[in-house]
N, C-alpha and C. Protein backbone atom coordinates (compact mmCIF):
# COMPACT_ATOMS: atom_id res chain seq x y z
N MET A 1 5.94 -3.50 26.81
CA MET A 1 6.12 -2.95 25.48
C MET A 1 7.38 -2.11 25.44
N GLY A 2 8.19 -2.29 24.39
CA GLY A 2 9.43 -1.54 24.28
C GLY A 2 9.19 -0.17 23.68
N MET A 3 10.06 0.76 24.03
CA MET A 3 9.96 2.10 23.49
C MET A 3 10.58 2.15 22.10
N ALA A 4 10.05 3.01 21.24
CA ALA A 4 10.62 3.19 19.92
C ALA A 4 11.95 3.91 20.03
N ALA A 5 12.77 3.77 18.97
CA ALA A 5 14.09 4.40 18.99
C ALA A 5 13.98 5.92 19.08
N ALA A 6 12.97 6.47 18.43
CA ALA A 6 12.79 7.93 18.47
C ALA A 6 12.43 8.40 19.87
N ASP A 7 11.70 7.54 20.62
CA ASP A 7 11.32 7.92 21.99
C ASP A 7 12.52 7.92 22.92
N LEU A 8 13.56 7.14 22.59
CA LEU A 8 14.72 7.02 23.46
C LEU A 8 15.81 8.04 23.15
N GLN A 9 15.65 8.84 22.09
CA GLN A 9 16.64 9.85 21.77
C GLN A 9 16.44 11.06 22.67
N PHE A 10 17.52 11.48 23.31
CA PHE A 10 17.44 12.60 24.25
C PHE A 10 17.90 13.89 23.56
N HIS A 11 17.33 15.00 24.02
CA HIS A 11 17.68 16.31 23.50
C HIS A 11 18.37 17.11 24.60
N VAL A 12 19.57 17.57 24.32
CA VAL A 12 20.39 18.28 25.29
C VAL A 12 20.58 19.72 24.83
N LEU A 13 20.40 20.65 25.76
CA LEU A 13 20.70 22.07 25.51
C LEU A 13 22.00 22.41 26.23
N ALA A 14 23.05 22.74 25.45
CA ALA A 14 24.36 23.08 26.00
C ALA A 14 24.57 24.58 25.94
N VAL A 15 24.98 25.16 27.09
CA VAL A 15 25.14 26.62 27.20
C VAL A 15 26.57 26.91 27.63
N ASP A 16 27.33 27.60 26.76
CA ASP A 16 28.72 27.95 27.09
C ASP A 16 29.16 29.08 26.17
N ASP A 17 29.85 30.07 26.75
CA ASP A 17 30.33 31.20 25.93
C ASP A 17 31.60 30.85 25.16
N SER A 18 32.20 29.71 25.46
CA SER A 18 33.41 29.27 24.76
C SER A 18 33.04 28.36 23.60
N LEU A 19 33.45 28.72 22.39
CA LEU A 19 33.15 27.91 21.20
C LEU A 19 33.81 26.53 21.29
N ILE A 20 35.04 26.49 21.79
CA ILE A 20 35.75 25.22 21.90
C ILE A 20 35.01 24.27 22.85
N ASP A 21 34.58 24.80 23.99
CA ASP A 21 33.86 23.96 24.96
C ASP A 21 32.49 23.51 24.41
N ARG A 22 31.83 24.38 23.65
CA ARG A 22 30.55 23.99 23.06
C ARG A 22 30.74 22.85 22.07
N LYS A 23 31.79 22.94 21.26
CA LYS A 23 32.06 21.89 20.28
C LYS A 23 32.39 20.57 20.98
N LEU A 24 33.13 20.64 22.07
CA LEU A 24 33.49 19.44 22.81
C LEU A 24 32.25 18.79 23.42
N ILE A 25 31.41 19.60 24.05
CA ILE A 25 30.19 19.06 24.65
C ILE A 25 29.28 18.46 23.58
N GLU A 26 29.16 19.15 22.46
CA GLU A 26 28.31 18.65 21.38
C GLU A 26 28.82 17.30 20.87
N ARG A 27 30.13 17.16 20.71
CA ARG A 27 30.69 15.91 20.20
C ARG A 27 30.48 14.77 21.20
N LEU A 28 30.67 15.04 22.49
CA LEU A 28 30.51 14.00 23.50
C LEU A 28 29.07 13.49 23.57
N PHE A 29 28.12 14.40 23.49
CA PHE A 29 26.72 13.97 23.56
C PHE A 29 26.26 13.30 22.28
N ARG A 30 26.82 13.70 21.16
CA ARG A 30 26.47 13.04 19.90
C ARG A 30 27.01 11.61 19.88
N ILE A 31 28.16 11.39 20.49
CA ILE A 31 28.68 10.03 20.62
C ILE A 31 27.71 9.16 21.40
N SER A 32 27.02 9.78 22.36
CA SER A 32 26.02 9.06 23.16
C SER A 32 24.65 9.06 22.51
N SER A 33 24.59 9.37 21.21
CA SER A 33 23.35 9.34 20.41
C SER A 33 22.31 10.32 20.92
N CYS A 34 22.75 11.51 21.32
CA CYS A 34 21.84 12.56 21.78
C CYS A 34 21.76 13.67 20.74
N GLN A 35 20.60 14.28 20.66
CA GLN A 35 20.44 15.49 19.86
C GLN A 35 20.90 16.67 20.71
N VAL A 36 21.71 17.56 20.13
CA VAL A 36 22.32 18.64 20.90
C VAL A 36 22.00 19.99 20.25
N THR A 37 21.57 20.92 21.08
CA THR A 37 21.42 22.32 20.66
C THR A 37 22.36 23.16 21.51
N THR A 38 23.18 24.00 20.88
CA THR A 38 24.16 24.81 21.61
C THR A 38 23.83 26.29 21.47
N VAL A 39 23.99 27.02 22.59
CA VAL A 39 23.85 28.48 22.60
C VAL A 39 25.02 29.04 23.41
N ASP A 40 25.33 30.34 23.20
CA ASP A 40 26.53 30.92 23.81
C ASP A 40 26.24 31.81 25.01
N SER A 41 24.99 31.84 25.50
CA SER A 41 24.68 32.68 26.67
C SER A 41 23.43 32.18 27.36
N GLY A 42 23.30 32.60 28.62
CA GLY A 42 22.12 32.23 29.38
C GLY A 42 20.85 32.84 28.84
N SER A 43 20.94 34.08 28.33
CA SER A 43 19.75 34.75 27.78
C SER A 43 19.23 34.02 26.54
N LYS A 44 20.15 33.51 25.70
CA LYS A 44 19.71 32.75 24.52
C LYS A 44 19.12 31.41 24.93
N ALA A 45 19.63 30.86 26.01
CA ALA A 45 19.05 29.61 26.51
C ALA A 45 17.61 29.84 26.97
N LEU A 46 17.38 30.94 27.68
CA LEU A 46 16.02 31.27 28.11
C LEU A 46 15.11 31.52 26.92
N GLU A 47 15.64 32.17 25.91
CA GLU A 47 14.85 32.44 24.71
C GLU A 47 14.48 31.13 24.02
N PHE A 48 15.43 30.21 23.95
CA PHE A 48 15.14 28.91 23.33
C PHE A 48 14.09 28.13 24.13
N LEU A 49 14.15 28.26 25.45
CA LEU A 49 13.21 27.56 26.32
C LEU A 49 11.85 28.24 26.41
N GLY A 50 11.77 29.47 25.89
CA GLY A 50 10.51 30.18 25.92
C GLY A 50 10.29 30.99 27.18
N LEU A 51 11.36 31.21 27.95
CA LEU A 51 11.25 32.03 29.16
C LEU A 51 11.65 33.46 28.86
N GLN A 52 11.13 34.39 29.66
CA GLN A 52 11.42 35.81 29.47
C GLN A 52 12.62 36.22 30.31
N ASP A 53 13.58 36.83 29.67
CA ASP A 53 14.71 37.41 30.39
C ASP A 53 14.38 38.86 30.73
N GLN A 54 14.77 39.29 31.91
CA GLN A 54 14.45 40.65 32.34
C GLN A 54 15.08 41.70 31.42
N ASN A 55 16.21 41.38 30.81
CA ASN A 55 16.89 42.32 29.94
C ASN A 55 16.51 42.16 28.47
N GLN A 56 15.57 41.26 28.18
CA GLN A 56 15.15 41.01 26.81
C GLN A 56 13.67 41.33 26.66
N PRO A 57 13.22 41.63 25.42
CA PRO A 57 11.78 41.85 25.21
C PRO A 57 10.99 40.59 25.55
N CYS A 58 9.74 40.80 25.88
CA CYS A 58 8.88 39.68 26.25
C CYS A 58 8.70 38.74 25.06
N VAL A 59 8.81 37.46 25.32
CA VAL A 59 8.63 36.46 24.27
C VAL A 59 7.17 36.07 24.24
N SER A 60 6.55 36.22 23.08
CA SER A 60 5.13 35.88 22.97
C SER A 60 4.96 34.37 23.01
N PRO A 61 3.80 33.89 23.49
CA PRO A 61 3.59 32.45 23.58
C PRO A 61 3.70 31.74 22.24
N SER A 62 3.35 32.42 21.14
CA SER A 62 3.41 31.77 19.83
C SER A 62 4.84 31.51 19.39
N ASN A 63 5.81 32.22 19.96
CA ASN A 63 7.21 32.03 19.58
C ASN A 63 7.95 31.09 20.51
N GLN A 64 7.28 30.58 21.53
CA GLN A 64 7.94 29.71 22.47
C GLN A 64 8.26 28.37 21.82
N GLN A 65 9.39 27.78 22.25
CA GLN A 65 9.81 26.51 21.71
C GLN A 65 8.94 25.39 22.28
N GLU A 66 8.47 24.52 21.39
CA GLU A 66 7.68 23.39 21.82
C GLU A 66 8.51 22.11 21.85
N VAL A 67 9.80 22.20 21.44
CA VAL A 67 10.65 21.02 21.42
C VAL A 67 10.97 20.59 22.84
N GLU A 68 11.04 19.29 23.04
CA GLU A 68 11.31 18.74 24.37
C GLU A 68 12.80 18.79 24.65
N VAL A 69 13.17 19.23 25.85
CA VAL A 69 14.56 19.25 26.30
C VAL A 69 14.67 18.33 27.50
N ASN A 70 15.58 17.36 27.41
CA ASN A 70 15.73 16.36 28.48
C ASN A 70 16.88 16.68 29.43
N LEU A 71 17.75 17.62 29.05
CA LEU A 71 18.88 17.97 29.92
C LEU A 71 19.44 19.33 29.49
N ILE A 72 19.83 20.14 30.50
CA ILE A 72 20.51 21.42 30.25
C ILE A 72 21.86 21.35 30.94
N ILE A 73 22.93 21.55 30.17
CA ILE A 73 24.28 21.59 30.73
C ILE A 73 24.85 22.97 30.44
N THR A 74 25.30 23.66 31.48
CA THR A 74 25.72 25.05 31.32
C THR A 74 27.02 25.33 32.06
N ASP A 75 27.81 26.21 31.47
CA ASP A 75 29.03 26.69 32.13
C ASP A 75 28.64 27.60 33.29
N TYR A 76 29.46 27.60 34.33
CA TYR A 76 29.16 28.45 35.49
C TYR A 76 29.57 29.90 35.20
N CYS A 77 30.79 30.12 34.72
CA CYS A 77 31.30 31.48 34.49
C CYS A 77 30.97 31.92 33.06
N MET A 78 30.01 32.81 32.93
CA MET A 78 29.64 33.38 31.63
C MET A 78 29.32 34.86 31.83
N PRO A 79 29.63 35.70 30.85
CA PRO A 79 29.29 37.12 30.98
C PRO A 79 27.79 37.35 30.94
N GLY A 80 27.33 38.33 31.67
CA GLY A 80 25.89 38.65 31.71
C GLY A 80 25.16 37.78 32.71
N MET A 81 24.84 36.60 32.32
CA MET A 81 24.11 35.67 33.19
C MET A 81 24.99 34.45 33.44
N THR A 82 25.25 34.17 34.70
CA THR A 82 26.07 33.01 35.04
C THR A 82 25.24 31.73 34.96
N GLY A 83 25.92 30.60 34.99
CA GLY A 83 25.22 29.33 34.99
C GLY A 83 24.36 29.16 36.22
N TYR A 84 24.80 29.74 37.34
CA TYR A 84 24.01 29.68 38.57
C TYR A 84 22.71 30.46 38.41
N ASP A 85 22.78 31.65 37.80
CA ASP A 85 21.57 32.45 37.57
C ASP A 85 20.60 31.72 36.63
N LEU A 86 21.16 31.08 35.61
CA LEU A 86 20.31 30.33 34.69
C LEU A 86 19.65 29.16 35.41
N LEU A 87 20.38 28.50 36.26
CA LEU A 87 19.83 27.39 37.05
C LEU A 87 18.65 27.87 37.90
N LYS A 88 18.79 29.01 38.57
CA LYS A 88 17.73 29.52 39.42
C LYS A 88 16.47 29.84 38.61
N LYS A 89 16.64 30.44 37.44
CA LYS A 89 15.48 30.79 36.62
C LYS A 89 14.74 29.55 36.14
N ILE A 90 15.50 28.52 35.81
CA ILE A 90 14.87 27.29 35.34
C ILE A 90 14.10 26.63 36.48
N LYS A 91 14.68 26.58 37.65
CA LYS A 91 14.02 25.93 38.78
C LYS A 91 12.85 26.75 39.31
N GLU A 92 12.82 28.03 39.02
CA GLU A 92 11.68 28.86 39.42
C GLU A 92 10.51 28.74 38.45
N SER A 93 10.76 28.16 37.28
CA SER A 93 9.71 28.02 36.27
C SER A 93 8.90 26.74 36.53
N SER A 94 7.59 26.88 36.59
CA SER A 94 6.74 25.72 36.85
C SER A 94 6.77 24.71 35.71
N SER A 95 7.02 25.18 34.49
CA SER A 95 7.01 24.29 33.33
C SER A 95 8.36 23.66 33.04
N LEU A 96 9.45 24.22 33.61
CA LEU A 96 10.79 23.74 33.28
C LEU A 96 11.56 23.19 34.48
N ARG A 97 11.03 23.30 35.66
CA ARG A 97 11.80 22.94 36.86
C ARG A 97 12.18 21.47 36.91
N ASN A 98 11.46 20.62 36.17
CA ASN A 98 11.76 19.18 36.20
C ASN A 98 12.87 18.79 35.23
N ILE A 99 13.33 19.73 34.41
CA ILE A 99 14.43 19.42 33.49
C ILE A 99 15.74 19.37 34.28
N PRO A 100 16.51 18.29 34.20
CA PRO A 100 17.78 18.21 34.92
C PRO A 100 18.75 19.26 34.40
N VAL A 101 19.47 19.91 35.34
CA VAL A 101 20.46 20.94 35.00
C VAL A 101 21.82 20.50 35.57
N VAL A 102 22.84 20.57 34.72
CA VAL A 102 24.21 20.21 35.11
C VAL A 102 25.09 21.45 34.93
N ILE A 103 25.90 21.73 35.95
CA ILE A 103 26.82 22.87 35.91
C ILE A 103 28.23 22.34 35.67
N MET A 104 28.99 23.06 34.85
CA MET A 104 30.40 22.71 34.63
C MET A 104 31.25 23.97 34.79
N SER A 105 32.46 23.76 35.28
CA SER A 105 33.35 24.89 35.55
C SER A 105 34.80 24.42 35.50
N SER A 106 35.67 25.33 35.12
CA SER A 106 37.11 25.03 35.12
C SER A 106 37.74 25.29 36.48
N GLU A 107 36.95 25.87 37.42
CA GLU A 107 37.46 26.18 38.76
C GLU A 107 36.80 25.27 39.78
N ASN A 108 37.60 24.67 40.62
CA ASN A 108 37.11 23.76 41.67
C ASN A 108 36.93 24.56 42.96
N VAL A 109 35.74 25.14 43.12
CA VAL A 109 35.43 25.96 44.30
C VAL A 109 34.32 25.24 45.07
N PRO A 110 34.63 24.64 46.24
CA PRO A 110 33.63 23.86 46.98
C PRO A 110 32.36 24.63 47.32
N SER A 111 32.50 25.90 47.72
CA SER A 111 31.31 26.68 48.06
C SER A 111 30.42 26.88 46.84
N ARG A 112 31.01 27.07 45.68
CA ARG A 112 30.25 27.24 44.44
C ARG A 112 29.53 25.94 44.08
N ILE A 113 30.23 24.82 44.24
CA ILE A 113 29.62 23.53 43.94
C ILE A 113 28.44 23.26 44.86
N SER A 114 28.63 23.51 46.15
CA SER A 114 27.56 23.28 47.12
C SER A 114 26.35 24.16 46.84
N ARG A 115 26.59 25.41 46.48
CA ARG A 115 25.49 26.32 46.22
C ARG A 115 24.66 25.86 45.02
N CYS A 116 25.32 25.38 43.98
CA CYS A 116 24.61 24.92 42.79
C CYS A 116 23.80 23.65 43.09
N LEU A 117 24.41 22.74 43.85
CA LEU A 117 23.70 21.50 44.17
C LEU A 117 22.49 21.77 45.07
N GLU A 118 22.64 22.72 45.99
CA GLU A 118 21.52 23.08 46.86
C GLU A 118 20.39 23.75 46.09
N GLU A 119 20.74 24.44 45.03
CA GLU A 119 19.73 25.13 44.22
C GLU A 119 18.99 24.17 43.29
N GLY A 120 19.50 22.94 43.13
CA GLY A 120 18.78 21.94 42.32
C GLY A 120 19.56 21.34 41.19
N ALA A 121 20.86 21.67 41.05
CA ALA A 121 21.66 21.07 39.99
C ALA A 121 21.84 19.58 40.24
N GLU A 122 21.77 18.78 39.18
CA GLU A 122 21.94 17.33 39.33
C GLU A 122 23.41 16.96 39.52
N GLU A 123 24.30 17.61 38.78
CA GLU A 123 25.73 17.30 38.84
C GLU A 123 26.53 18.60 38.69
N PHE A 124 27.79 18.52 39.12
CA PHE A 124 28.73 19.63 38.91
C PHE A 124 30.03 19.00 38.39
N PHE A 125 30.35 19.29 37.12
CA PHE A 125 31.52 18.70 36.48
C PHE A 125 32.64 19.73 36.35
N LEU A 126 33.86 19.26 36.51
CA LEU A 126 35.03 20.10 36.26
C LEU A 126 35.46 19.93 34.80
N LYS A 127 35.80 21.03 34.18
CA LYS A 127 36.28 20.98 32.79
C LYS A 127 37.73 20.47 32.75
N PRO A 128 38.09 19.78 31.66
CA PRO A 128 37.24 19.44 30.52
C PRO A 128 36.33 18.25 30.83
N VAL A 129 35.10 18.35 30.34
CA VAL A 129 34.13 17.28 30.54
C VAL A 129 34.54 16.06 29.71
N ARG A 130 34.40 14.87 30.30
CA ARG A 130 34.79 13.64 29.63
C ARG A 130 33.57 12.79 29.28
N LEU A 131 33.80 11.79 28.46
CA LEU A 131 32.71 10.92 28.04
C LEU A 131 32.12 10.16 29.23
N SER A 132 32.96 9.80 30.17
CA SER A 132 32.47 9.10 31.37
C SER A 132 31.52 9.99 32.18
N ASP A 133 31.76 11.31 32.17
CA ASP A 133 30.84 12.24 32.83
C ASP A 133 29.48 12.26 32.13
N VAL A 134 29.54 12.29 30.81
CA VAL A 134 28.30 12.33 30.03
C VAL A 134 27.47 11.07 30.25
N ASN A 135 28.15 9.93 30.35
CA ASN A 135 27.42 8.67 30.55
C ASN A 135 26.69 8.65 31.89
N LYS A 136 27.17 9.41 32.87
CA LYS A 136 26.49 9.47 34.16
C LYS A 136 25.14 10.19 34.08
N LEU A 137 24.94 10.96 33.04
CA LEU A 137 23.73 11.79 32.94
C LEU A 137 22.55 11.06 32.32
N ARG A 138 22.78 9.89 31.77
CA ARG A 138 21.70 9.18 31.10
C ARG A 138 20.52 8.87 32.03
N PRO A 139 20.76 8.41 33.28
CA PRO A 139 19.61 8.17 34.17
C PRO A 139 18.79 9.43 34.44
N HIS A 140 19.45 10.59 34.52
CA HIS A 140 18.71 11.84 34.75
C HIS A 140 17.82 12.16 33.55
N MET A 141 18.35 11.95 32.34
CA MET A 141 17.55 12.21 31.14
C MET A 141 16.42 11.21 31.01
N MET A 142 16.66 9.99 31.46
CA MET A 142 15.64 8.95 31.35
C MET A 142 14.42 9.29 32.19
N LYS A 143 14.63 9.96 33.32
CA LYS A 143 13.50 10.35 34.18
C LYS A 143 12.55 11.28 33.44
N THR A 144 13.10 12.25 32.72
CA THR A 144 12.24 13.18 31.99
C THR A 144 11.51 12.47 30.87
N LYS A 145 12.17 11.51 30.23
CA LYS A 145 11.52 10.77 29.15
C LYS A 145 10.38 9.92 29.68
N CYS A 146 10.58 9.29 30.82
CA CYS A 146 9.53 8.46 31.43
C CYS A 146 8.34 9.32 31.84
N LYS A 147 8.61 10.51 32.40
CA LYS A 147 7.53 11.41 32.78
C LYS A 147 6.73 11.85 31.56
N SER A 148 7.45 12.12 30.46
CA SER A 148 6.77 12.55 29.24
C SER A 148 5.87 11.45 28.70
N LEU A 149 6.37 10.20 28.71
CA LEU A 149 5.58 9.09 28.23
C LEU A 149 4.39 8.82 29.15
N SER A 150 4.59 9.00 30.45
CA SER A 150 3.49 8.80 31.40
C SER A 150 2.39 9.82 31.17
N GLN A 151 2.77 11.05 30.87
CA GLN A 151 1.77 12.08 30.59
C GLN A 151 0.99 11.75 29.32
N GLN A 152 1.68 11.22 28.29
CA GLN A 152 1.00 10.84 27.07
C GLN A 152 0.01 9.71 27.32
N GLU A 153 0.41 8.73 28.14
CA GLU A 153 -0.49 7.64 28.48
C GLU A 153 -1.69 8.14 29.27
N ALA A 154 -1.43 9.09 30.17
CA ALA A 154 -2.54 9.65 30.95
C ALA A 154 -3.52 10.38 30.05
N GLU A 155 -3.00 11.12 29.06
CA GLU A 155 -3.88 11.82 28.12
C GLU A 155 -4.71 10.84 27.31
N LYS A 156 -4.09 9.69 26.93
CA LYS A 156 -4.85 8.69 26.19
C LYS A 156 -5.96 8.11 27.05
N MET A 157 -5.68 7.89 28.34
CA MET A 157 -6.69 7.35 29.24
C MET A 157 -7.85 8.32 29.41
N VAL A 158 -7.56 9.61 29.32
CA VAL A 158 -8.62 10.61 29.46
C VAL A 158 -9.47 10.69 28.20
N THR A 159 -8.82 10.58 27.03
CA THR A 159 -9.54 10.73 25.76
C THR A 159 -10.26 9.46 25.35
N GLU A 160 -9.75 8.28 25.69
CA GLU A 160 -10.38 7.04 25.24
C GLU A 160 -11.78 6.85 25.82
N PRO A 161 -12.02 7.11 27.13
CA PRO A 161 -13.40 6.98 27.62
C PRO A 161 -14.36 7.92 26.92
N LYS A 162 -13.89 9.11 26.53
CA LYS A 162 -14.75 10.04 25.81
C LYS A 162 -15.17 9.46 24.48
N GLN A 163 -14.22 8.81 23.76
CA GLN A 163 -14.55 8.20 22.48
C GLN A 163 -15.54 7.07 22.67
N GLU A 164 -15.35 6.27 23.74
CA GLU A 164 -16.28 5.18 24.00
C GLU A 164 -17.67 5.70 24.30
N SER A 165 -17.75 6.78 25.06
CA SER A 165 -19.06 7.34 25.38
C SER A 165 -19.75 7.87 24.14
N ILE A 166 -18.96 8.44 23.21
CA ILE A 166 -19.54 8.94 21.96
C ILE A 166 -20.08 7.78 21.15
N GLU A 167 -19.32 6.65 21.09
CA GLU A 167 -19.78 5.49 20.34
C GLU A 167 -21.05 4.92 20.95
N ILE A 168 -21.11 4.87 22.28
CA ILE A 168 -22.30 4.36 22.94
C ILE A 168 -23.49 5.25 22.67
N ALA A 169 -23.25 6.57 22.65
CA ALA A 169 -24.35 7.52 22.40
C ALA A 169 -24.89 7.37 20.98
N ASN A 170 -24.04 6.95 20.02
CA ASN A 170 -24.46 6.82 18.64
C ASN A 170 -25.18 5.52 18.36
N VAL A 171 -25.19 4.56 19.29
CA VAL A 171 -25.89 3.30 19.09
C VAL A 171 -27.40 3.55 19.17
N PRO A 172 -28.20 3.07 18.19
CA PRO A 172 -29.66 3.30 18.23
C PRO A 172 -30.26 2.73 19.50
N SER A 173 -31.13 3.49 20.10
CA SER A 173 -31.75 3.07 21.35
C SER A 173 -32.83 2.03 21.08
N GLN A 174 -32.85 0.95 21.87
CA GLN A 174 -33.85 -0.09 21.74
C GLN A 174 -34.83 -0.09 22.91
N ALA A 175 -34.82 0.99 23.68
CA ALA A 175 -35.67 1.04 24.87
C ALA A 175 -37.15 0.97 24.54
N PRO A 176 -37.68 1.72 23.51
CA PRO A 176 -39.12 1.66 23.23
C PRO A 176 -39.56 0.25 22.88
N GLN A 177 -38.77 -0.48 22.06
CA GLN A 177 -39.13 -1.83 21.67
C GLN A 177 -39.18 -2.75 22.88
N THR A 178 -38.23 -2.60 23.77
CA THR A 178 -38.19 -3.43 24.96
C THR A 178 -39.40 -3.17 25.86
N GLN A 179 -39.79 -1.91 25.98
CA GLN A 179 -40.95 -1.56 26.80
C GLN A 179 -42.23 -2.15 26.21
N SER A 180 -42.39 -2.09 24.88
CA SER A 180 -43.60 -2.62 24.26
C SER A 180 -43.68 -4.13 24.45
N GLU A 181 -42.52 -4.80 24.32
CA GLU A 181 -42.52 -6.24 24.55
C GLU A 181 -42.90 -6.55 25.99
N THR A 182 -42.42 -5.76 26.91
CA THR A 182 -42.74 -5.98 28.32
C THR A 182 -44.24 -5.82 28.57
N VAL A 183 -44.85 -4.79 27.94
CA VAL A 183 -46.29 -4.57 28.11
C VAL A 183 -47.09 -5.74 27.55
N GLN A 184 -46.65 -6.24 26.38
CA GLN A 184 -47.36 -7.37 25.78
C GLN A 184 -47.27 -8.61 26.68
N GLN A 185 -46.09 -8.83 27.23
CA GLN A 185 -45.93 -9.97 28.11
C GLN A 185 -46.81 -9.84 29.35
N GLN A 186 -46.90 -8.62 29.88
CA GLN A 186 -47.75 -8.39 31.04
C GLN A 186 -49.22 -8.64 30.70
N GLN A 187 -49.64 -8.19 29.49
CA GLN A 187 -51.02 -8.39 29.08
C GLN A 187 -51.34 -9.87 28.91
N LYS A 188 -50.38 -10.61 28.29
CA LYS A 188 -50.59 -12.05 28.13
C LYS A 188 -50.68 -12.74 29.47
N SER A 189 -49.79 -12.35 30.37
CA SER A 189 -49.80 -12.96 31.70
C SER A 189 -51.11 -12.69 32.43
N GLN A 190 -51.62 -11.45 32.29
CA GLN A 190 -52.88 -11.10 32.95
C GLN A 190 -54.05 -11.89 32.34
N ALA A 191 -54.02 -12.06 30.98
CA ALA A 191 -55.08 -12.82 30.33
C ALA A 191 -55.07 -14.27 30.78
N ASN A 192 -53.86 -14.82 30.91
CA ASN A 192 -53.77 -16.21 31.38
C ASN A 192 -54.31 -16.34 32.80
N ASN A 193 -54.00 -15.37 33.64
CA ASN A 193 -54.50 -15.40 35.00
C ASN A 193 -56.03 -15.32 35.04
N ASN A 194 -56.59 -14.47 34.14
CA ASN A 194 -58.05 -14.35 34.08
C ASN A 194 -58.70 -15.65 33.64
N ASN A 195 -58.08 -16.30 32.64
CA ASN A 195 -58.62 -17.58 32.17
C ASN A 195 -58.58 -18.63 33.27
N ASN A 196 -57.46 -18.65 34.00
CA ASN A 196 -57.35 -19.61 35.10
C ASN A 196 -58.41 -19.36 36.17
N ASN A 197 -58.63 -18.08 36.47
CA ASN A 197 -59.65 -17.74 37.47
C ASN A 197 -61.05 -18.14 37.00
N ASN A 198 -61.32 -17.91 35.70
CA ASN A 198 -62.64 -18.30 35.15
C ASN A 198 -62.84 -19.81 35.22
N ASN A 199 -61.77 -20.56 34.89
CA ASN A 199 -61.88 -22.01 34.94
C ASN A 199 -62.15 -22.49 36.36
N LYS A 200 -61.47 -21.89 37.33
CA LYS A 200 -61.69 -22.27 38.72
C LYS A 200 -63.11 -21.94 39.15
N ARG A 201 -63.59 -20.77 38.70
CA ARG A 201 -64.95 -20.37 39.08
C ARG A 201 -65.99 -21.33 38.50
N LYS A 202 -65.77 -21.73 37.23
CA LYS A 202 -66.71 -22.67 36.61
C LYS A 202 -66.70 -24.01 37.34
N ALA A 203 -65.48 -24.42 37.71
CA ALA A 203 -65.41 -25.71 38.41
C ALA A 203 -66.14 -25.64 39.74
N MET A 204 -66.05 -24.56 40.44
CA MET A 204 -66.74 -24.41 41.72
C MET A 204 -68.25 -24.36 41.51
N GLU A 205 -68.69 -23.68 40.44
CA GLU A 205 -70.12 -23.58 40.18
C GLU A 205 -70.70 -24.94 39.83
N GLU A 206 -69.95 -25.76 39.08
CA GLU A 206 -70.44 -27.08 38.73
C GLU A 206 -70.59 -27.95 39.97
N ASN A 207 -69.66 -27.84 40.88
CA ASN A 207 -69.74 -28.64 42.10
C ASN A 207 -70.91 -28.23 42.98
N LEU A 208 -71.33 -26.97 42.87
CA LEU A 208 -72.42 -26.46 43.71
C LEU A 208 -73.71 -26.30 42.92
N SER A 209 -73.91 -27.00 41.80
CA SER A 209 -75.12 -26.84 40.97
C SER A 209 -76.35 -27.38 41.70
N PRO A 210 -77.63 -26.92 41.45
CA PRO A 210 -78.86 -27.36 42.16
C PRO A 210 -79.16 -28.82 41.95
N ASP A 211 -78.89 -29.32 40.73
CA ASP A 211 -79.22 -30.72 40.46
C ASP A 211 -78.49 -31.64 41.40
N ARG A 212 -77.20 -31.35 41.59
CA ARG A 212 -76.41 -32.21 42.44
C ARG A 212 -76.86 -32.11 43.90
N THR A 213 -77.24 -30.93 44.31
CA THR A 213 -77.68 -30.80 45.70
C THR A 213 -79.00 -31.51 45.93
N ARG A 214 -79.95 -31.48 44.93
CA ARG A 214 -81.23 -32.15 45.08
C ARG A 214 -81.03 -33.66 45.15
N GLN A 215 -80.07 -34.16 44.34
CA GLN A 215 -79.85 -35.60 44.37
C GLN A 215 -79.37 -36.02 45.75
N ARG A 216 -78.56 -35.23 46.35
CA ARG A 216 -78.09 -35.57 47.67
C ARG A 216 -79.22 -35.57 48.69
N TYR A 217 -80.11 -34.54 48.64
CA TYR A 217 -81.22 -34.49 49.58
C TYR A 217 -82.22 -35.59 49.35
N SER A 218 -82.47 -35.93 48.06
CA SER A 218 -83.44 -36.97 47.76
C SER A 218 -82.95 -38.31 48.27
N SER A 219 -81.68 -38.51 48.15
CA SER A 219 -81.15 -39.77 48.65
C SER A 219 -81.31 -39.88 50.16
N LEU A 220 -81.13 -38.77 50.82
CA LEU A 220 -81.30 -38.79 52.27
C LEU A 220 -82.75 -39.04 52.65
N THR A 221 -83.73 -38.53 51.86
CA THR A 221 -85.14 -38.68 52.17
C THR A 221 -85.55 -40.16 52.01
N ALA A 222 -85.04 -40.79 50.93
CA ALA A 222 -85.39 -42.18 50.72
C ALA A 222 -84.96 -43.05 51.87
N VAL A 223 -83.86 -42.78 52.47
CA VAL A 223 -83.39 -43.56 53.62
C VAL A 223 -84.30 -43.31 54.80
């Protein structure tokens, strides 16, 4: 079965303190038919994701975002919270750790790249990000979409047996009728057995009647 077009649309959260870079990232992902949400800091990204920032008031569960995010792409160098810090918080979250995170930076520092990849980043891109870079991220986003669909199928498998059991419970029970029929059949069978036994008994009594025995003895006496 093929997936619907709405199921194949990916949602990307882009985090960058530079307006120009945010606009560029948004345009590149929209060319790839992705929905894009942009924020200018790591703390706003956490707020959008429903996570609590240590420097921000606690976010109540009712205000948490329920929208699905298939990819987070963030700048490394940002004031306040760096992209590396944001990556660590996401990977420490049990509910968000499976979301792919991509780091981008205008500085090519091997130790920085290695540290981000070891912490769980899927990719590390050098700015300016190109369309060919964005196209590499589709397999990572597809993994989250497949997991989401698998969870929905699993939920259906859990709920469908419950509905079937409810339907079965609502079917009128025919057990009393079946039991009464069984009793009647047993009674008929027992009556038939009694009749057969009576017939056999009568046949035996006829064979052993006094008249027949006297005829046999009388015949022997005449000889």
